[in-house]
Amino acid sequence: MTDMEIAAAGAVGATKIYGSGDTQVTALRDVDVSFDQGQFTAIMGPSGSGKSTLMHCLAGLDRLTSGSVFVGETNLSTLSEKDLTLLRRNKIGFVFQAFNLVPTLTALENITLPVDLGRNKPDQTLLDEVVQAVGLADRLSHKPNELSGGQQQRVAVARALASGPDVIFADEPTGNLDSQTGAEILDFMRHAVDEFGQTIVMVTHDPNAAAYSDRVLFLNDGEIVNELKNPDREVILRALATTGKG
């Protein structure tokens, strides 16, 4: 992490081992990777390739066996659990396949929840821009059970953006959505990168979703085995054929 411009996130020598003896599994093998600011990266690979493990370690949701992960200049392996929690709250946004909204809160309360937990006030200008961009202005008083799946995921994406995080990690963000709604979510994520300068790292098995990214990393057996820049769906499909579908 000695570049002129500090990467939004990255890993050096990232190794993750689960279990021991006969049940030992190496999920990541000495991975070096960085994610530039203002870039949309997709991570793909077969089931068990290590893509979700890499994202979880980068996001501070899991710890490496050896090596280091960084968000900006902060080495996550040096942080206490309390400081790691604060970093996740203040510098990282999350979007999950299952939306992970709080059912008793309104859409607006869900969007501002990370900021509220930090006892801060949201940046009203950014909040207004995000709400407008995801088309939720007339849904802010609704609770999750009053929203469609696509609207719930819009709330989740807005929540990830509204705190102005250094990086957003998205785990199969369109996995529970129909193709049209998924495309709308991906369009907005692309917009967030292009217009807000947001950094997004997305795990996906879907070549259509990956085609929205600036860069696709392919993992297999815990290692990065290929990388594409500004790819289209057909190029991604050809690359997947050499690494397994995922």
Protein backbone atom coordinates (compact mmCIF):
# COMPACT_ATOMS: atom_id res chain seq x y z
CA MET A 1 0.00 0.00 0.00
CA THR A 2 2.68 2.43 -1.01
CA ASP A 3 1.02 3.82 -4.12
CA MET A 4 0.75 7.56 -4.60
CA GLU A 5 -2.99 7.22 -4.08
CA ILE A 6 -3.90 4.89 -1.25
CA ALA A 7 -6.15 2.05 -2.38
CA ALA A 8 -9.65 1.95 -0.92
CA ALA A 9 -9.00 -1.61 0.26
CA GLY A 10 -6.58 -4.44 -0.32
CA ALA A 11 -4.79 -7.51 0.94
CA VAL A 12 -1.17 -8.62 1.19
CA GLY A 13 -0.33 -12.29 1.58
CA ALA A 14 -3.90 -13.04 2.62
CA THR A 15 -4.21 -16.64 3.78
CA LYS A 16 -7.26 -18.14 5.48
CA ILE A 17 -7.31 -21.71 6.81
CA TYR A 18 -10.33 -23.38 8.37
CA GLY A 19 -10.11 -26.48 10.53
CA SER A 20 -7.05 -28.64 11.12
CA GLY A 21 -5.67 -32.05 10.31
CA ASP A 22 -7.79 -34.08 7.91
CA THR A 23 -10.53 -31.45 7.91
CA GLN A 24 -8.24 -28.51 7.14
CA VAL A 25 -9.36 -26.32 4.24
CA THR A 26 -7.29 -23.47 2.79
CA ALA A 27 -9.83 -20.91 1.59
CA LEU A 28 -7.29 -18.23 0.62
CA ARG A 29 -3.69 -18.82 -0.45
CA ASP A 30 -1.31 -15.87 -0.15
CA VAL A 31 -3.55 -13.43 -2.05
CA ASP A 32 -2.25 -9.97 -2.97
CA VAL A 33 -4.91 -7.60 -4.31
CA SER A 34 -5.90 -3.95 -4.19
CA PHE A 35 -9.07 -2.06 -5.04
CA ASP A 36 -8.66 1.47 -6.36
CA GLN A 37 -10.83 4.31 -5.17
CA GLY A 38 -13.80 5.05 -7.40
CA GLN A 39 -13.73 1.62 -9.06
CA PHE A 40 -16.37 -1.11 -9.35
CA THR A 41 -14.83 -4.59 -9.02
CA ALA A 42 -16.62 -7.92 -9.36
CA ILE A 43 -15.21 -11.10 -7.81
CA MET A 44 -16.19 -14.39 -9.47
CA GLY A 45 -15.26 -18.05 -9.24
CA PRO A 46 -16.63 -21.53 -8.63
CA SER A 47 -18.34 -22.46 -5.39
CA GLY A 48 -15.66 -22.87 -2.75
CA SER A 49 -13.12 -20.77 -4.67
CA GLY A 50 -12.67 -18.33 -1.78
CA LYS A 51 -14.50 -15.31 -3.20
CA SER A 52 -16.84 -14.81 -0.23
CA THR A 53 -14.04 -15.53 2.23
CA LEU A 54 -11.90 -12.85 0.58
CA MET A 55 -14.71 -10.32 0.77
CA HIS A 56 -15.52 -11.15 4.40
CA CYS A 57 -11.87 -10.75 5.41
CA LEU A 58 -11.51 -7.49 3.48
CA ALA A 59 -14.63 -6.17 5.18
CA GLY A 60 -13.49 -7.12 8.67
CA LEU A 61 -16.23 -9.73 9.09
CA ASP A 62 -13.64 -12.50 9.40
CA ARG A 63 -9.95 -12.53 10.29
CA LEU A 64 -7.09 -13.94 8.25
CA THR A 65 -4.91 -16.82 9.43
CA SER A 66 -1.90 -14.88 8.11
CA GLY A 67 -1.25 -11.82 5.97
CA SER A 68 -2.88 -8.40 6.18
CA VAL A 69 -5.97 -6.62 4.91
CA PHE A 70 -6.32 -2.87 4.65
CA VAL A 71 -9.09 -0.32 4.37
CA GLY A 72 -7.30 2.81 3.26
CA GLU A 73 -4.14 2.95 5.38
CA THR A 74 -5.68 0.99 8.27
CA ASN A 75 -4.38 -2.54 8.80
CA LEU A 76 -7.42 -4.46 10.05
CA SER A 77 -5.31 -7.19 11.64
CA THR A 78 -3.98 -4.67 14.19
CA LEU A 79 -7.45 -3.60 15.39
CA SER A 80 -9.27 -4.73 18.51
CA GLU A 81 -12.80 -6.07 18.08
CA LYS A 82 -14.17 -2.73 19.29
CA ASP A 83 -12.09 -0.72 16.81
CA LEU A 84 -12.98 -3.17 14.05
CA THR A 85 -16.66 -2.65 14.80
CA LEU A 86 -16.19 1.12 14.62
CA LEU A 87 -14.33 0.85 11.32
CA ARG A 88 -17.09 -1.29 9.80
CA ARG A 89 -19.66 1.24 10.94
CA ASN A 90 -17.80 4.36 9.82
CA LYS A 91 -15.83 3.35 6.75
CA ILE A 92 -17.56 0.33 5.19
CA GLY A 93 -20.95 -0.14 3.59
CA PHE A 94 -22.58 -3.54 3.14
CA VAL A 95 -25.18 -4.86 0.73
CA PHE A 96 -26.31 -8.47 1.19
CA GLN A 97 -28.47 -10.81 -0.87
CA ALA A 98 -30.97 -11.05 1.99
CA PHE A 99 -31.35 -7.23 2.34
CA ASN A 100 -30.79 -7.38 6.15
CA LEU A 101 -33.24 -4.60 6.95
CA VAL A 102 -34.66 -4.05 10.44
CA PRO A 103 -38.39 -4.91 10.11
CA THR A 104 -39.59 -2.47 12.80
CA LEU A 105 -37.89 0.54 11.20
CA THR A 106 -39.10 2.63 8.28
CA ALA A 107 -37.15 2.82 5.04
CA LEU A 108 -35.62 6.14 6.09
CA GLU A 109 -34.68 4.80 9.54
CA ASN A 110 -33.04 1.77 7.91
CA ILE A 111 -31.09 4.03 5.54
CA THR A 112 -29.76 6.23 8.34
CA LEU A 113 -29.22 3.38 10.83
CA PRO A 114 -25.38 3.15 10.54
CA VAL A 115 -25.07 6.91 11.03
CA ASP A 116 -27.56 6.86 13.91
CA LEU A 117 -25.65 4.04 15.62
CA GLY A 118 -22.58 6.24 15.54
CA ARG A 119 -24.63 9.00 17.17
CA ASN A 120 -23.98 11.23 14.19
CA LYS A 121 -26.30 13.22 12.00
CA PRO A 122 -26.54 12.17 8.36
CA ASP A 123 -25.16 14.46 5.68
CA GLN A 124 -28.51 15.76 4.49
CA THR A 125 -27.26 16.69 1.02
CA LEU A 126 -25.82 13.22 0.45
CA LEU A 127 -28.90 11.57 1.96
CA ASP A 128 -31.20 13.54 -0.35
CA GLU A 129 -29.07 12.67 -3.38
CA VAL A 130 -29.05 8.97 -2.51
CA VAL A 131 -32.80 8.79 -1.81
CA GLN A 132 -33.53 10.61 -5.07
CA ALA A 133 -31.16 8.43 -7.05
CA VAL A 134 -32.70 5.15 -5.85
CA GLY A 135 -36.23 6.46 -6.34
CA LEU A 136 -37.39 6.04 -2.74
CA ALA A 137 -38.66 9.53 -1.97
CA ASP A 138 -42.28 8.34 -1.74
CA ARG A 139 -41.44 5.20 0.23
CA LEU A 140 -39.45 6.58 3.17
CA SER A 141 -42.20 6.06 5.76
CA HIS A 142 -42.86 2.46 4.70
CA LYS A 143 -41.55 -0.52 6.65
CA PRO A 144 -39.82 -3.42 4.85
CA ASN A 145 -42.92 -5.64 4.76
CA GLU A 146 -44.69 -2.85 2.85
CA LEU A 147 -42.00 -2.80 0.15
CA SER A 148 -41.27 -5.10 -2.79
CA GLY A 149 -38.02 -7.07 -2.88
CA GLY A 150 -36.54 -4.58 -5.30
CA GLN A 151 -37.52 -1.65 -3.10
CA GLN A 152 -36.03 -3.38 -0.05
CA GLN A 153 -32.73 -3.84 -1.89
CA ARG A 154 -32.84 -0.17 -2.94
CA VAL A 155 -33.13 0.68 0.76
CA ALA A 156 -30.16 -1.59 1.49
CA VAL A 157 -28.04 0.05 -1.23
CA ALA A 158 -29.08 3.51 -0.05
CA ARG A 159 -28.13 2.55 3.52
CA ALA A 160 -24.70 1.46 2.33
CA LEU A 161 -24.16 4.76 0.49
CA ALA A 162 -25.72 7.26 2.87
CA SER A 163 -22.90 7.17 5.41
CA GLY A 164 -20.34 8.03 2.74
CA PRO A 165 -18.20 4.90 3.29
CA ASP A 166 -14.70 4.42 1.92
CA VAL A 167 -15.78 1.18 0.28
CA ILE A 168 -18.97 -0.86 -0.19
CA PHE A 169 -18.88 -4.66 -0.14
CA ALA A 170 -21.81 -6.31 -1.91
CA ASP A 171 -22.43 -10.06 -1.58
CA GLU A 172 -24.68 -11.33 -4.42
CA PRO A 173 -26.76 -8.13 -4.19
CA THR A 174 -29.14 -9.17 -6.98
CA GLY A 175 -29.39 -12.85 -6.03
CA ASN A 176 -32.95 -12.57 -4.70
CA LEU A 177 -34.25 -10.28 -7.44
CA ASP A 178 -35.79 -10.82 -10.86
CA SER A 179 -33.62 -9.83 -13.82
CA GLN A 180 -35.26 -6.45 -14.45
CA THR A 181 -35.12 -5.37 -10.80
CA GLY A 182 -31.57 -6.69 -10.53
CA ALA A 183 -30.56 -4.60 -13.53
CA GLU A 184 -32.05 -1.50 -11.90
CA ILE A 185 -30.02 -2.11 -8.72
CA LEU A 186 -26.84 -2.64 -10.76
CA ASP A 187 -27.55 0.51 -12.77
CA PHE A 188 -27.71 2.45 -9.53
CA MET A 189 -24.52 0.88 -8.20
CA ARG A 190 -22.80 1.82 -11.46
CA HIS A 191 -24.19 5.35 -11.06
CA ALA A 192 -22.84 5.52 -7.51
CA VAL A 193 -19.34 4.78 -8.81
CA ASP A 194 -19.55 7.16 -11.77
CA GLU A 195 -21.35 10.06 -10.09
CA PHE A 196 -20.48 9.74 -6.38
CA GLY A 197 -16.98 8.32 -6.82
CA GLN A 198 -17.96 5.33 -4.68
CA THR A 199 -15.76 2.22 -4.47
CA ILE A 200 -17.68 -1.07 -4.76
CA VAL A 201 -16.44 -4.65 -4.44
CA MET A 202 -19.11 -7.19 -5.42
CA VAL A 203 -19.13 -10.97 -5.18
CA THR A 204 -21.36 -12.45 -7.87
CA HIS A 205 -21.90 -15.63 -9.87
CA ASP A 206 -23.85 -13.75 -12.56
CA PRO A 207 -21.95 -12.70 -15.73
CA ASN A 208 -24.64 -10.10 -16.45
CA ALA A 209 -24.02 -8.47 -13.05
CA ALA A 210 -20.24 -8.65 -13.42
CA ALA A 211 -20.47 -6.86 -16.77
CA TYR A 212 -21.48 -3.67 -14.93
CA SER A 213 -18.05 -3.55 -13.28
CA ASP A 214 -14.78 -1.91 -14.31
CA ARG A 215 -12.81 -5.02 -13.44
CA VAL A 216 -13.49 -8.69 -12.76
CA LEU A 217 -11.25 -10.88 -10.60
CA PHE A 218 -11.55 -14.66 -10.92
CA LEU A 219 -10.68 -16.90 -7.97
CA ASN A 220 -10.09 -20.63 -7.94
CA ASP A 221 -8.78 -22.74 -5.05
CA GLY A 222 -8.16 -19.62 -2.99
CA GLU A 223 -6.02 -17.86 -5.57
CA ILE A 224 -6.61 -15.09 -8.12
CA VAL A 225 -6.24 -16.84 -11.46
CA ASN A 226 -7.45 -14.20 -13.93
CA GLU A 227 -8.40 -10.54 -14.22
CA LEU A 228 -10.40 -8.66 -16.83
CA LYS A 229 -10.85 -4.91 -17.25
CA ASN A 230 -13.96 -3.28 -18.73
CA PRO A 231 -15.34 -6.69 -19.74
CA ASP A 232 -18.59 -7.55 -21.45
CA ARG A 233 -20.76 -10.58 -20.72
CA GLU A 234 -19.32 -12.75 -23.50
CA VAL A 235 -15.72 -12.15 -22.42
CA ILE A 236 -16.69 -12.98 -18.82
CA LEU A 237 -18.40 -16.21 -19.92
CA ARG A 238 -15.27 -17.31 -21.80
CA ALA A 239 -13.11 -16.55 -18.77
CA LEU A 240 -15.48 -18.45 -16.48
CA ALA A 241 -15.19 -21.51 -18.72
CA THR A 242 -11.53 -21.76 -17.71
CA THR A 243 -12.11 -21.29 -13.97
CA GLY A 244 -15.43 -23.07 -13.43
CA LYS A 245 -18.85 -21.51 -13.12
CA GLY A 246 -19.60 -19.62 -9.99
